[in-house]
Each structure stands twice: as C-alpha cells, then as structure tokens.
Amino acid sequence: MQENLYTIVSALLAVGFLAGLAIGLLLKKRHAAGINCLVRIGPSTVSGRGAFAAEPIRNGDIVERCPALEVTDKDVGGELLNYVFYGSDEHKRLVAMGNGMLFNHSSTPNVAYYREDTGLGAVLILYALRDIAKGEELFYNYGDDWWTTRQ
C-alpha cells in the first residue's frame, strides 16, 4: 500500500512539474512576442510608421495602456514635439511609452484615448471607437490645438 502511495505521489509531482514547465514556456513565448499583441508597427500609407491592428478589435476594447512620463514643455523639442500628448496643464507634456506615440492622425479616428492617473504616474488608455479589422491602421484625432501649432 505504501509503495502505491509513493508511486501516485511521484506521478502527481512529475505531472505537476511538466505542466508548470509547459505553462512557463508558453508564457515566455507570449512575452517574447510582445506584451500587447493587439498592435503591430509597420509602414503607413499616411506618414512614416503607423500602428496596425494585429487582430480584430471590438468597439470599446482597450487597444493599449501606455505608461507616460510627464515633463515640462521646455523638456520637449525637435522631432519629439510631434510625438507628445498634452499634460495636466498648458506647460506640461506626456511622453507615451509603447506604441501609443506612433498612432497617426485622422479626422475620422477609430481609436481615442484618455488619461488615467495611477500611483506610478500617468497612463494613456487607448480604446477602440468602433470595430477594427485585422491589418487596419489605427488613428486618433490629434485635435485642432495640435494643428494650429504646426504649419
């Protein structure tokens, strides 16, 4: 009886170890593919690089959560000025991490965003305004203020 119990416990431990190993390998593969599998970056027909739906996205789904650094407008210059968001007041800007800063503009956007303040700082939440097909480029509206500061 004791030998059977030893065999059963050994088999359960071996199965648990193999299952844990398999799950770990799957998670590692998923992490290597990217944390956010909804967005891929590629050449845009609109301007330079763009963000594209890597799979179908439903209306209202969160497309990406972008941690952001809030800096003063004096900290931002050159080309980076084209990739920042308005901050908590007129003299602050948000530098979005992740793919969020590579979404191009459209006056008929399929994505919008809002700011969420967390204990770790600002986060831009990008979400779908409608159903988006796999391969479709993702756009949000930069707003009139953005365009009036550019030629």
C-alpha atoms as a PDB file:
ATOM      1  CA  MET A   1       0.000   0.000   0.000  1.00  0.00           C
ATOM      2  CA  GLN A   2       2.825   2.391   0.899  1.00  0.00           C
ATOM      3  CA  GLU A   3       4.573   1.681  -2.445  1.00  0.00           C
ATOM      4  CA  ASN A   4       1.382   2.512  -4.362  1.00  0.00           C
ATOM      5  CA  LEU A   5       1.049   5.782  -2.465  1.00  0.00           C
ATOM      6  CA  TYR A   6       4.691   6.608  -3.203  1.00  0.00           C
ATOM      7  CA  THR A   7       4.135   5.877  -6.921  1.00  0.00           C
ATOM      8  CA  ILE A   8       0.969   8.010  -7.057  1.00  0.00           C
ATOM      9  CA  VAL A   9       2.593  10.975  -5.283  1.00  0.00           C
ATOM     10  CA  SER A  10       5.689  10.704  -7.505  1.00  0.00           C
ATOM     11  CA  ALA A  11       3.498  10.612 -10.629  1.00  0.00           C
ATOM     12  CA  LEU A  12       1.486  13.645  -9.446  1.00  0.00           C
ATOM     13  CA  LEU A  13       4.674  15.594  -8.728  1.00  0.00           C
ATOM     14  CA  ALA A  14       6.082  14.713 -12.152  1.00  0.00           C
ATOM     15  CA  VAL A  15       2.842  15.731 -13.903  1.00  0.00           C
ATOM     16  CA  GLY A  16       2.747  18.994 -11.909  1.00  0.00           C
ATOM     17  CA  PHE A  17       6.362  19.755 -12.796  1.00  0.00           C
ATOM     18  CA  LEU A  18       5.791  19.084 -16.504  1.00  0.00           C
ATOM     19  CA  ALA A  19       2.598  21.153 -16.528  1.00  0.00           C
ATOM     20  CA  GLY A  20       4.408  24.048 -14.826  1.00  0.00           C
ATOM     21  CA  LEU A  21       7.257  23.794 -17.305  1.00  0.00           C
ATOM     22  CA  ALA A  22       4.858  23.824 -20.266  1.00  0.00           C
ATOM     23  CA  ILE A  23       2.939  26.828 -18.898  1.00  0.00           C
ATOM     24  CA  GLY A  24       6.202  28.665 -18.231  1.00  0.00           C
ATOM     25  CA  LEU A  25       7.380  28.070 -21.799  1.00  0.00           C
ATOM     26  CA  LEU A  26       4.063  29.290 -23.210  1.00  0.00           C
ATOM     27  CA  LEU A  27       4.188  32.454 -21.092  1.00  0.00           C
ATOM     28  CA  LYS A  28       7.791  33.084 -22.102  1.00  0.00           C
ATOM     29  CA  LYS A  29       6.857  32.697 -25.777  1.00  0.00           C
ATOM     30  CA  ARG A  30       3.904  35.064 -25.319  1.00  0.00           C
ATOM     31  CA  HIS A  31       6.099  37.615 -23.554  1.00  0.00           C
ATOM     32  CA  ALA A  32       8.734  37.385 -26.287  1.00  0.00           C
ATOM     33  CA  ALA A  33       6.050  38.129 -28.879  1.00  0.00           C
ATOM     34  CA  GLY A  34       5.172  41.333 -27.042  1.00  0.00           C
ATOM     35  CA  ILE A  35       3.072  42.300 -24.102  1.00  0.00           C
ATOM     36  CA  ASN A  36       0.455  43.930 -26.292  1.00  0.00           C
ATOM     37  CA  CYS A  37      -0.464  41.623 -29.119  1.00  0.00           C
ATOM     38  CA  LEU A  38      -3.249  43.879 -30.431  1.00  0.00           C
ATOM     39  CA  VAL A  39      -0.870  46.359 -32.073  1.00  0.00           C
ATOM     40  CA  ARG A  40       1.946  45.968 -34.559  1.00  0.00           C
ATOM     41  CA  ILE A  41       4.055  48.734 -36.072  1.00  0.00           C
ATOM     42  CA  GLY A  42       4.640  48.964 -39.809  1.00  0.00           C
ATOM     43  CA  PRO A  43       4.956  51.374 -42.729  1.00  0.00           C
ATOM     44  CA  SER A  44       1.990  53.726 -43.008  1.00  0.00           C
ATOM     45  CA  THR A  45       0.435  54.969 -46.217  1.00  0.00           C
ATOM     46  CA  VAL A  46      -0.313  58.222 -44.349  1.00  0.00           C
ATOM     47  CA  SER A  47       3.042  59.145 -42.833  1.00  0.00           C
ATOM     48  CA  GLY A  48       6.177  57.173 -41.957  1.00  0.00           C
ATOM     49  CA  ARG A  49       5.393  54.480 -39.408  1.00  0.00           C
ATOM     50  CA  GLY A  50       1.954  53.606 -38.160  1.00  0.00           C
ATOM     51  CA  ALA A  51       0.183  51.327 -35.715  1.00  0.00           C
ATOM     52  CA  PHE A  52      -1.977  48.499 -37.071  1.00  0.00           C
ATOM     53  CA  ALA A  53      -4.451  46.048 -35.576  1.00  0.00           C
ATOM     54  CA  ALA A  54      -2.654  42.714 -35.208  1.00  0.00           C
ATOM     55  CA  GLU A  55      -6.039  41.042 -34.749  1.00  0.00           C
ATOM     56  CA  PRO A  56      -9.677  42.161 -34.881  1.00  0.00           C
ATOM     57  CA  ILE A  57     -10.542  44.681 -32.147  1.00  0.00           C
ATOM     58  CA  ARG A  58     -14.080  45.240 -30.892  1.00  0.00           C
ATOM     59  CA  ASN A  59     -15.718  48.599 -30.275  1.00  0.00           C
ATOM     60  CA  GLY A  60     -14.825  49.756 -26.752  1.00  0.00           C
ATOM     61  CA  ASP A  61     -11.889  47.363 -26.287  1.00  0.00           C
ATOM     62  CA  ILE A  62      -8.726  48.777 -24.751  1.00  0.00           C
ATOM     63  CA  VAL A  63      -6.130  48.715 -27.516  1.00  0.00           C
ATOM     64  CA  GLU A  64      -3.163  49.663 -25.356  1.00  0.00           C
ATOM     65  CA  ARG A  65      -2.250  51.049 -21.944  1.00  0.00           C
ATOM     66  CA  CYS A  66       0.736  53.379 -22.357  1.00  0.00           C
ATOM     67  CA  PRO A  67       2.657  54.445 -19.266  1.00  0.00           C
ATOM     68  CA  ALA A  68       3.640  58.082 -19.742  1.00  0.00           C
ATOM     69  CA  LEU A  69       6.254  60.444 -18.382  1.00  0.00           C
ATOM     70  CA  GLU A  70       5.026  63.952 -17.632  1.00  0.00           C
ATOM     71  CA  VAL A  71       7.638  66.590 -18.431  1.00  0.00           C
ATOM     72  CA  THR A  72       7.590  70.343 -18.941  1.00  0.00           C
ATOM     73  CA  ASP A  73       7.100  71.743 -22.422  1.00  0.00           C
ATOM     74  CA  LYS A  74      10.683  73.092 -22.198  1.00  0.00           C
ATOM     75  CA  ASP A  75      11.966  69.492 -21.924  1.00  0.00           C
ATOM     76  CA  VAL A  76      10.491  68.655 -25.327  1.00  0.00           C
ATOM     77  CA  GLY A  77      11.933  69.881 -28.582  1.00  0.00           C
ATOM     78  CA  GLY A  78      12.830  68.911 -32.103  1.00  0.00           C
ATOM     79  CA  GLU A  79      11.111  65.898 -33.635  1.00  0.00           C
ATOM     80  CA  LEU A  80       9.926  64.656 -30.220  1.00  0.00           C
ATOM     81  CA  LEU A  81       7.476  67.579 -30.162  1.00  0.00           C
ATOM     82  CA  ASN A  82       5.451  65.686 -32.800  1.00  0.00           C
ATOM     83  CA  TYR A  83       5.065  62.636 -30.545  1.00  0.00           C
ATOM     84  CA  VAL A  84       3.932  64.001 -27.189  1.00  0.00           C
ATOM     85  CA  PHE A  85       0.487  64.494 -25.674  1.00  0.00           C
ATOM     86  CA  TYR A  86      -0.835  67.440 -23.709  1.00  0.00           C
ATOM     87  CA  GLY A  87      -0.163  67.074 -19.995  1.00  0.00           C
ATOM     88  CA  SER A  88      -2.020  68.085 -16.858  1.00  0.00           C
ATOM     89  CA  ASP A  89      -1.641  71.804 -17.627  1.00  0.00           C
ATOM     90  CA  GLU A  90      -0.609  74.044 -20.545  1.00  0.00           C
ATOM     91  CA  HIS A  91       3.106  73.807 -19.687  1.00  0.00           C
ATOM     92  CA  LYS A  92       3.309  70.021 -19.362  1.00  0.00           C
ATOM     93  CA  ARG A  93       3.571  67.253 -21.937  1.00  0.00           C
ATOM     94  CA  LEU A  94       3.176  63.491 -21.745  1.00  0.00           C
ATOM     95  CA  VAL A  95       5.734  61.252 -23.399  1.00  0.00           C
ATOM     96  CA  ALA A  96       3.881  57.985 -24.032  1.00  0.00           C
ATOM     97  CA  MET A  97       5.766  54.726 -23.799  1.00  0.00           C
ATOM     98  CA  GLY A  98       4.849  51.813 -26.019  1.00  0.00           C
ATOM     99  CA  ASN A  99       3.154  52.001 -29.384  1.00  0.00           C
ATOM    100  CA  GLY A 100       0.785  54.829 -28.453  1.00  0.00           C
ATOM    101  CA  MET A 101       3.049  57.572 -29.734  1.00  0.00           C
ATOM    102  CA  LEU A 102       3.100  56.038 -33.235  1.00  0.00           C
ATOM    103  CA  PHE A 103      -0.628  56.264 -33.999  1.00  0.00           C
ATOM    104  CA  ASN A 104      -1.234  58.647 -36.901  1.00  0.00           C
ATOM    105  CA  HIS A 105      -3.944  61.330 -37.149  1.00  0.00           C
ATOM    106  CA  SER A 106      -7.339  61.089 -38.790  1.00  0.00           C
ATOM    107  CA  SER A 107     -10.310  63.430 -38.607  1.00  0.00           C
ATOM    108  CA  THR A 108     -12.400  60.226 -38.562  1.00  0.00           C
ATOM    109  CA  PRO A 109     -10.454  58.221 -35.952  1.00  0.00           C
ATOM    110  CA  ASN A 110     -11.051  54.600 -34.998  1.00  0.00           C
ATOM    111  CA  VAL A 111      -9.263  54.996 -31.634  1.00  0.00           C
ATOM    112  CA  ALA A 112      -9.485  57.554 -28.825  1.00  0.00           C
ATOM    113  CA  TYR A 113      -7.623  57.919 -25.559  1.00  0.00           C
ATOM    114  CA  TYR A 114      -7.999  59.191 -22.053  1.00  0.00           C
ATOM    115  CA  ARG A 115      -5.560  59.833 -19.237  1.00  0.00           C
ATOM    116  CA  GLU A 116      -5.592  57.729 -16.091  1.00  0.00           C
ATOM    117  CA  ASP A 117      -3.519  58.830 -13.096  1.00  0.00           C
ATOM    118  CA  THR A 118      -2.083  55.928 -11.107  1.00  0.00           C
ATOM    119  CA  GLY A 119       0.254  55.612  -8.163  1.00  0.00           C
ATOM    120  CA  LEU A 120       3.092  55.156 -10.664  1.00  0.00           C
ATOM    121  CA  GLY A 121       2.162  58.153 -12.788  1.00  0.00           C
ATOM    122  CA  ALA A 122       0.050  58.956 -15.818  1.00  0.00           C
ATOM    123  CA  VAL A 123      -1.155  56.249 -18.191  1.00  0.00           C
ATOM    124  CA  LEU A 124      -2.783  56.872 -21.579  1.00  0.00           C
ATOM    125  CA  ILE A 125      -5.552  54.393 -22.259  1.00  0.00           C
ATOM    126  CA  LEU A 126      -6.197  53.916 -25.985  1.00  0.00           C
ATOM    127  CA  TYR A 127      -9.535  52.303 -26.846  1.00  0.00           C
ATOM    128  CA  ALA A 128     -11.473  51.421 -29.989  1.00  0.00           C
ATOM    129  CA  LEU A 129     -14.260  53.753 -31.125  1.00  0.00           C
ATOM    130  CA  ARG A 130     -15.692  51.076 -33.414  1.00  0.00           C
ATOM    131  CA  ASP A 131     -14.916  47.542 -34.574  1.00  0.00           C
ATOM    132  CA  ILE A 132     -11.488  47.458 -36.228  1.00  0.00           C
ATOM    133  CA  ALA A 133     -10.413  44.785 -38.712  1.00  0.00           C
ATOM    134  CA  LYS A 134      -7.095  42.948 -38.525  1.00  0.00           C
ATOM    135  CA  GLY A 135      -4.485  44.881 -40.512  1.00  0.00           C
ATOM    136  CA  GLU A 136      -6.370  48.190 -40.355  1.00  0.00           C
ATOM    137  CA  GLU A 137      -4.282  51.211 -39.395  1.00  0.00           C
ATOM    138  CA  LEU A 138      -5.122  52.741 -36.024  1.00  0.00           C
ATOM    139  CA  PHE A 139      -5.775  56.501 -35.919  1.00  0.00           C
ATOM    140  CA  TYR A 140      -6.794  59.016 -33.310  1.00  0.00           C
ATOM    141  CA  ASN A 141      -7.588  62.689 -33.755  1.00  0.00           C
ATOM    142  CA  TYR A 142      -4.699  64.945 -32.716  1.00  0.00           C
ATOM    143  CA  GLY A 143      -7.100  67.846 -32.126  1.00  0.00           C
ATOM    144  CA  ASP A 144      -7.283  71.364 -33.505  1.00  0.00           C
ATOM    145  CA  ASP A 145      -4.737  72.745 -30.992  1.00  0.00           C
ATOM    146  CA  TRP A 146      -2.091  70.354 -32.299  1.00  0.00           C
ATOM    147  CA  TRP A 147      -2.591  71.517 -35.885  1.00  0.00           C
ATOM    148  CA  THR A 148      -2.654  75.239 -35.056  1.00  0.00           C
ATOM    149  CA  THR A 149       0.851  74.939 -33.546  1.00  0.00           C
ATOM    150  CA  ARG A 150       2.203  73.383 -36.760  1.00  0.00           C
ATOM    151  CA  GLN A 151       2.494  74.749 -40.271  1.00  0.00           C
END
